[in-house]
Each structure stands twice: as structure tokens, then as C-alpha cells.
Amino acid sequence: MWLDTNIELGKDGKLYGKTQGKAYRIDPATMTLTQIVRPVSILLKGADDHMYLSRSENFYTYRLCS
């Protein structure tokens, strides 16, 4: 079974996830969930510890946390 979901720990201490084409951020201190953007196809943690996402097959990327 293939799930369209992943979650990463950002360098800012927040959790960043993607499910069903939506990217979101969770603040573990308050358990607040914030939708960042949709649609999104890929969410990943870069080698520089920043979170990046792609909104299409053209791989436009956005820095989510610094």
C-alpha cells in the first residue's frame, strides 16, 4: 500500500508534513497545525537542513523554515 504522506523535523523544532497534496506545519509546544500550501507534490529536508517543497513537475521550491 502506497501512502501519500511524509513528515520531517525542521531545524526550527517544528514538524513539517505532507499528506493528500497539502503541506502543513505542527508546533509541538502548542500542537497547532497550520496548512502551508496546496497543492504540493513533494516535501523534503535538504542537505542544508531547510525544508523544501515542489508544487508541480517543474520542481519549484520554497524555503519553509530558516
PDB file of N, CA and C in Angstrom:
ATOM      1  N   MET A   1       0.845  -1.180   0.000  1.00  0.00           N
ATOM      2  CA  MET A   1       0.000   0.000   0.000  1.00  0.00           C
ATOM      3  C   MET A   1       0.888   1.239   0.000  1.00  0.00           C
ATOM      4  N   TRP A   2       0.650   2.167  -0.891  1.00  0.00           N
ATOM      5  CA  TRP A   2       1.416   3.402  -1.016  1.00  0.00           C
ATOM      6  C   TRP A   2       0.659   4.538  -0.340  1.00  0.00           C
ATOM      7  N   LEU A   3       1.324   5.223   0.578  1.00  0.00           N
ATOM      8  CA  LEU A   3       0.704   6.354   1.264  1.00  0.00           C
ATOM      9  C   LEU A   3       1.338   7.656   0.802  1.00  0.00           C
ATOM     10  N   ASP A   4       0.526   8.635   0.509  1.00  0.00           N
ATOM     11  CA  ASP A   4       0.984   9.942   0.060  1.00  0.00           C
ATOM     12  C   ASP A   4       1.235  10.832   1.282  1.00  0.00           C
ATOM     13  N   THR A   5       2.142  10.404   2.163  1.00  0.00           N
ATOM     14  CA  THR A   5       2.356  11.105   3.422  1.00  0.00           C
ATOM     15  C   THR A   5       3.829  11.050   3.799  1.00  0.00           C
ATOM     16  N   ASN A   6       4.353  12.158   4.315  1.00  0.00           N
ATOM     17  CA  ASN A   6       5.659  12.141   4.960  1.00  0.00           C
ATOM     18  C   ASN A   6       5.728  13.285   5.956  1.00  0.00           C
ATOM     19  N   ILE A   7       6.648  13.164   6.916  1.00  0.00           N
ATOM     20  CA  ILE A   7       6.809  14.184   7.949  1.00  0.00           C
ATOM     21  C   ILE A   7       8.286  14.285   8.296  1.00  0.00           C
ATOM     22  N   GLU A   8       8.751  15.510   8.504  1.00  0.00           N
ATOM     23  CA  GLU A   8      10.157  15.774   8.809  1.00  0.00           C
ATOM     24  C   GLU A   8      10.235  16.758   9.964  1.00  0.00           C
ATOM     25  N   LEU A   9      11.310  16.658  10.738  1.00  0.00           N
ATOM     26  CA  LEU A   9      11.578  17.616  11.803  1.00  0.00           C
ATOM     27  C   LEU A   9      12.424  18.740  11.226  1.00  0.00           C
ATOM     28  N   GLY A  10      11.908  19.971  11.290  1.00  0.00           N
ATOM     29  CA  GLY A  10      12.634  21.130  10.791  1.00  0.00           C
ATOM     30  C   GLY A  10      13.665  21.620  11.790  1.00  0.00           C
ATOM     31  N   LYS A  11      14.645  22.380  11.304  1.00  0.00           N
ATOM     32  CA  LYS A  11      15.683  22.879  12.202  1.00  0.00           C
ATOM     33  C   LYS A  11      15.140  23.905  13.195  1.00  0.00           C
ATOM     34  N   ASP A  12      13.912  24.372  12.972  1.00  0.00           N
ATOM     35  CA  ASP A  12      13.259  25.292  13.910  1.00  0.00           C
ATOM     36  C   ASP A  12      12.500  24.548  15.009  1.00  0.00           C
ATOM     37  N   GLY A  13      12.581  23.196  15.007  1.00  0.00           N
ATOM     38  CA  GLY A  13      11.923  22.399  16.029  1.00  0.00           C
ATOM     39  C   GLY A  13      10.478  22.054  15.723  1.00  0.00           C
ATOM     40  N   LYS A  14       9.958  22.534  14.609  1.00  0.00           N
ATOM     41  CA  LYS A  14       8.580  22.235  14.216  1.00  0.00           C
ATOM     42  C   LYS A  14       8.573  21.038  13.271  1.00  0.00           C
ATOM     43  N   LEU A  15       7.447  20.362  13.207  1.00  0.00           N
ATOM     44  CA  LEU A  15       7.274  19.235  12.302  1.00  0.00           C
ATOM     45  C   LEU A  15       6.641  19.736  11.013  1.00  0.00           C
ATOM     46  N   TYR A  16       7.159  19.281   9.887  1.00  0.00           N
ATOM     47  CA  TYR A  16       6.627  19.641   8.581  1.00  0.00           C
ATOM     48  C   TYR A  16       6.165  18.366   7.903  1.00  0.00           C
ATOM     49  N   GLY A  17       4.957  18.397   7.370  1.00  0.00           N
ATOM     50  CA  GLY A  17       4.409  17.200   6.765  1.00  0.00           C
ATOM     51  C   GLY A  17       3.685  17.481   5.473  1.00  0.00           C
ATOM     52  N   LYS A  18       3.419  16.393   4.766  1.00  0.00           N
ATOM     53  CA  LYS A  18       2.659  16.460   3.526  1.00  0.00           C
ATOM     54  C   LYS A  18       1.751  15.256   3.480  1.00  0.00           C
ATOM     55  N   THR A  19       0.500  15.502   3.214  1.00  0.00           N
ATOM     56  CA  THR A  19      -0.458  14.418   3.026  1.00  0.00           C
ATOM     57  C   THR A  19      -1.574  14.892   2.107  1.00  0.00           C
ATOM     58  N   GLN A  20      -2.010  14.019   1.234  1.00  0.00           N
ATOM     59  CA  GLN A  20      -3.095  14.302   0.298  1.00  0.00           C
ATOM     60  C   GLN A  20      -2.910  15.639  -0.416  1.00  0.00           C
ATOM     61  N   GLY A  21      -1.672  15.927  -0.827  1.00  0.00           N
ATOM     62  CA  GLY A  21      -1.399  17.122  -1.606  1.00  0.00           C
ATOM     63  C   GLY A  21      -1.344  18.420  -0.822  1.00  0.00           C
ATOM     64  N   LYS A  22      -1.337  18.346   0.518  1.00  0.00           N
ATOM     65  CA  LYS A  22      -1.286  19.545   1.359  1.00  0.00           C
ATOM     66  C   LYS A  22      -0.028  19.509   2.218  1.00  0.00           C
ATOM     67  N   ALA A  23       0.654  20.645   2.321  1.00  0.00           N
ATOM     68  CA  ALA A  23       1.804  20.757   3.217  1.00  0.00           C
ATOM     69  C   ALA A  23       1.353  21.487   4.477  1.00  0.00           C
ATOM     70  N   TYR A  24       1.848  21.045   5.621  1.00  0.00           N
ATOM     71  CA  TYR A  24       1.445  21.637   6.888  1.00  0.00           C
ATOM     72  C   TYR A  24       2.619  21.690   7.859  1.00  0.00           C
ATOM     73  N   ARG A  25       2.468  22.485   8.899  1.00  0.00           N
ATOM     74  CA  ARG A  25       3.462  22.629   9.966  1.00  0.00           C
ATOM     75  C   ARG A  25       2.767  22.367  11.292  1.00  0.00           C
ATOM     76  N   ILE A  26       3.425  21.619  12.172  1.00  0.00           N
ATOM     77  CA  ILE A  26       2.899  21.366  13.518  1.00  0.00           C
ATOM     78  C   ILE A  26       3.891  21.928  14.531  1.00  0.00           C
ATOM     79  N   ASP A  27       3.401  22.748  15.429  1.00  0.00           N
ATOM     80  CA  ASP A  27       4.215  23.266  16.526  1.00  0.00           C
ATOM     81  C   ASP A  27       4.044  22.289  17.695  1.00  0.00           C
ATOM     82  N   PRO A  28       5.080  21.516  18.049  1.00  0.00           N
ATOM     83  CA  PRO A  28       4.948  20.528  19.112  1.00  0.00           C
ATOM     84  C   PRO A  28       4.636  21.144  20.481  1.00  0.00           C
ATOM     85  N   ALA A  29       5.022  22.386  20.704  1.00  0.00           N
ATOM     86  CA  ALA A  29       4.769  23.030  22.001  1.00  0.00           C
ATOM     87  C   ALA A  29       3.286  23.297  22.212  1.00  0.00           C
ATOM     88  N   THR A  30       2.575  23.658  21.132  1.00  0.00           N
ATOM     89  CA  THR A  30       1.156  24.005  21.256  1.00  0.00           C
ATOM     90  C   THR A  30       0.237  23.011  20.548  1.00  0.00           C
ATOM     91  N   MET A  31       0.835  22.093  19.773  1.00  0.00           N
ATOM     92  CA  MET A  31       0.100  21.132  18.941  1.00  0.00           C
ATOM     93  C   MET A  31      -0.790  21.848  17.920  1.00  0.00           C
ATOM     94  N   THR A  32      -0.383  23.040  17.511  1.00  0.00           N
ATOM     95  CA  THR A  32      -1.107  23.798  16.488  1.00  0.00           C
ATOM     96  C   THR A  32      -0.696  23.319  15.106  1.00  0.00           C
ATOM     97  N   LEU A  33      -1.675  22.989  14.272  1.00  0.00           N
ATOM     98  CA  LEU A  33      -1.436  22.580  12.904  1.00  0.00           C
ATOM     99  C   LEU A  33      -1.787  23.749  11.988  1.00  0.00           C
ATOM    100  N   THR A  34      -0.855  24.113  11.111  1.00  0.00           N
ATOM    101  CA  THR A  34      -1.055  25.205  10.165  1.00  0.00           C
ATOM    102  C   THR A  34      -0.834  24.679   8.756  1.00  0.00           C
ATOM    103  N   GLN A  35      -1.825  24.839   7.885  1.00  0.00           N
ATOM    104  CA  GLN A  35      -1.639  24.454   6.492  1.00  0.00           C
ATOM    105  C   GLN A  35      -0.764  25.499   5.828  1.00  0.00           C
ATOM    106  N   ILE A  36       0.263  25.064   5.115  1.00  0.00           N
ATOM    107  CA  ILE A  36       1.199  25.975   4.470  1.00  0.00           C
ATOM    108  C   ILE A  36       0.768  26.281   3.046  1.00  0.00           C
ATOM    109  N   VAL A  37       0.548  25.236   2.265  1.00  0.00           N
ATOM    110  CA  VAL A  37       0.211  25.430   0.857  1.00  0.00           C
ATOM    111  C   VAL A  37      -0.417  24.153   0.309  1.00  0.00           C
ATOM    112  N   ARG A  38      -1.188  24.318  -0.743  1.00  0.00           N
ATOM    113  CA  ARG A  38      -1.681  23.196  -1.525  1.00  0.00           C
ATOM    114  C   ARG A  38      -1.911  23.669  -2.939  1.00  0.00           C
ATOM    115  N   PRO A  39      -1.816  22.925  -3.946  1.00  0.00           N
ATOM    116  CA  PRO A  39      -1.342  21.555  -3.911  1.00  0.00           C
ATOM    117  C   PRO A  39       0.185  21.494  -3.803  1.00  0.00           C
ATOM    118  N   VAL A  40       0.669  20.397  -3.300  1.00  0.00           N
ATOM    119  CA  VAL A  40       2.100  20.152  -3.199  1.00  0.00           C
ATOM    120  C   VAL A  40       2.353  18.698  -3.581  1.00  0.00           C
ATOM    121  N   SER A  41       3.429  18.462  -4.327  1.00  0.00           N
ATOM    122  CA  SER A  41       3.714  17.089  -4.751  1.00  0.00           C
ATOM    123  C   SER A  41       4.864  16.464  -3.965  1.00  0.00           C
ATOM    124  N   ILE A  42       5.838  17.271  -3.537  1.00  0.00           N
ATOM    125  CA  ILE A  42       6.993  16.730  -2.822  1.00  0.00           C
ATOM    126  C   ILE A  42       7.340  17.644  -1.657  1.00  0.00           C
ATOM    127  N   LEU A  43       7.657  17.070  -0.515  1.00  0.00           N
ATOM    128  CA  LEU A  43       8.180  17.791   0.646  1.00  0.00           C
ATOM    129  C   LEU A  43       9.415  17.033   1.104  1.00  0.00           C
ATOM    130  N   LEU A  44      10.533  17.741   1.259  1.00  0.00           N
ATOM    131  CA  LEU A  44      11.740  17.063   1.694  1.00  0.00           C
ATOM    132  C   LEU A  44      12.635  17.988   2.501  1.00  0.00           C
ATOM    133  N   LYS A  45      13.524  17.374   3.248  1.00  0.00           N
ATOM    134  CA  LYS A  45      14.511  18.098   4.040  1.00  0.00           C
ATOM    135  C   LYS A  45      15.809  18.092   3.253  1.00  0.00           C
ATOM    136  N   GLY A  46      16.337  19.289   2.946  1.00  0.00           N
ATOM    137  CA  GLY A  46      17.556  19.397   2.165  1.00  0.00           C
ATOM    138  C   GLY A  46      18.800  19.121   2.980  1.00  0.00           C
ATOM    139  N   ALA A  47      19.914  18.962   2.292  1.00  0.00           N
ATOM    140  CA  ALA A  47      21.200  18.729   2.947  1.00  0.00           C
ATOM    141  C   ALA A  47      21.586  19.906   3.843  1.00  0.00           C
ATOM    142  N   ASP A  48      21.011  21.079   3.575  1.00  0.00           N
ATOM    143  CA  ASP A  48      21.281  22.278   4.378  1.00  0.00           C
ATOM    144  C   ASP A  48      20.341  22.393   5.579  1.00  0.00           C
ATOM    145  N   ASP A  49      19.547  21.349   5.850  1.00  0.00           N
ATOM    146  CA  ASP A  49      18.575  21.273   6.947  1.00  0.00           C
ATOM    147  C   ASP A  49      17.364  22.176   6.775  1.00  0.00           C
ATOM    148  N   HIS A  50      17.179  22.781   5.619  1.00  0.00           N
ATOM    149  CA  HIS A  50      15.971  23.545   5.327  1.00  0.00           C
ATOM    150  C   HIS A  50      14.939  22.602   4.722  1.00  0.00           C
ATOM    151  N   MET A  51      13.662  22.952   4.884  1.00  0.00           N
ATOM    152  CA  MET A  51      12.582  22.170   4.301  1.00  0.00           C
ATOM    153  C   MET A  51      12.205  22.789   2.953  1.00  0.00           C
ATOM    154  N   TYR A  52      12.024  21.953   1.944  1.00  0.00           N
ATOM    155  CA  TYR A  52      11.685  22.402   0.600  1.00  0.00           C
ATOM    156  C   TYR A  52      10.474  21.640   0.099  1.00  0.00           C
ATOM    157  N   LEU A  53       9.707  22.278  -0.801  1.00  0.00           N
ATOM    158  CA  LEU A  53       8.579  21.591  -1.409  1.00  0.00           C
ATOM    159  C   LEU A  53       8.495  21.927  -2.880  1.00  0.00           C
ATOM    160  N   SER A  54       7.836  21.046  -3.609  1.00  0.00           N
ATOM    161  CA  SER A  54       7.604  21.229  -5.034  1.00  0.00           C
ATOM    162  C   SER A  54       6.101  21.229  -5.256  1.00  0.00           C
ATOM    163  N   ARG A  55       5.652  22.160  -6.074  1.00  0.00           N
ATOM    164  CA  ARG A  55       4.222  22.247  -6.341  1.00  0.00           C
ATOM    165  C   ARG A  55       3.843  21.648  -7.687  1.00  0.00           C
ATOM    166  N   SER A  56       4.809  21.223  -8.488  1.00  0.00           N
ATOM    167  CA  SER A  56       4.497  20.658  -9.798  1.00  0.00           C
ATOM    168  C   SER A  56       5.678  19.840 -10.290  1.00  0.00           C
ATOM    169  N   GLU A  57       5.526  19.275 -11.440  1.00  0.00           N
ATOM    170  CA  GLU A  57       6.619  18.504 -12.032  1.00  0.00           C
ATOM    171  C   GLU A  57       7.801  19.391 -12.419  1.00  0.00           C
ATOM    172  N   ASN A  58       7.618  20.719 -12.377  1.00  0.00           N
ATOM    173  CA  ASN A  58       8.701  21.642 -12.689  1.00  0.00           C
ATOM    174  C   ASN A  58       9.632  21.890 -11.511  1.00  0.00           C
ATOM    175  N   PHE A  59       9.333  21.330 -10.356  1.00  0.00           N
ATOM    176  CA  PHE A  59      10.166  21.401  -9.162  1.00  0.00           C
ATOM    177  C   PHE A  59      10.488  22.812  -8.716  1.00  0.00           C
ATOM    178  N   TYR A  60       9.473  23.657  -8.643  1.00  0.00           N
ATOM    179  CA  TYR A  60       9.635  24.943  -7.990  1.00  0.00           C
ATOM    180  C   TYR A  60       9.809  24.672  -6.509  1.00  0.00           C
ATOM    181  N   THR A  61      10.748  25.303  -5.871  1.00  0.00           N
ATOM    182  CA  THR A  61      10.983  25.020  -4.457  1.00  0.00           C
ATOM    183  C   THR A  61      10.799  26.293  -3.622  1.00  0.00           C
ATOM    184  N   TYR A  62      10.434  26.077  -2.390  1.00  0.00           N
ATOM    185  CA  TYR A  62      10.176  27.155  -1.437  1.00  0.00           C
ATOM    186  C   TYR A  62      10.886  26.820  -0.137  1.00  0.00           C
ATOM    187  N   ARG A  63      11.586  27.779   0.432  1.00  0.00           N
ATOM    188  CA  ARG A  63      12.203  27.555   1.740  1.00  0.00           C
ATOM    189  C   ARG A  63      11.120  27.765   2.795  1.00  0.00           C
ATOM    190  N   LEU A  64      10.891  26.748   3.615  1.00  0.00           N
ATOM    191  CA  LEU A  64       9.806  26.808   4.594  1.00  0.00           C
ATOM    192  C   LEU A  64      10.254  27.296   5.963  1.00  0.00           C
ATOM    193  N   CYS A  65      11.492  27.000   6.346  1.00  0.00           N
ATOM    194  CA  CYS A  65      11.970  27.453   7.654  1.00  0.00           C
ATOM    195  C   CYS A  65      13.427  27.826   7.536  1.00  0.00           C
ATOM    196  N   SER A  66      13.864  28.729   8.399  1.00  0.00           N
ATOM    197  CA  SER A  66      15.264  29.171   8.322  1.00  0.00           C
ATOM    198  C   SER A  66      15.996  28.825   9.590  1.00  0.00           C
TER     199      SER A  66
END
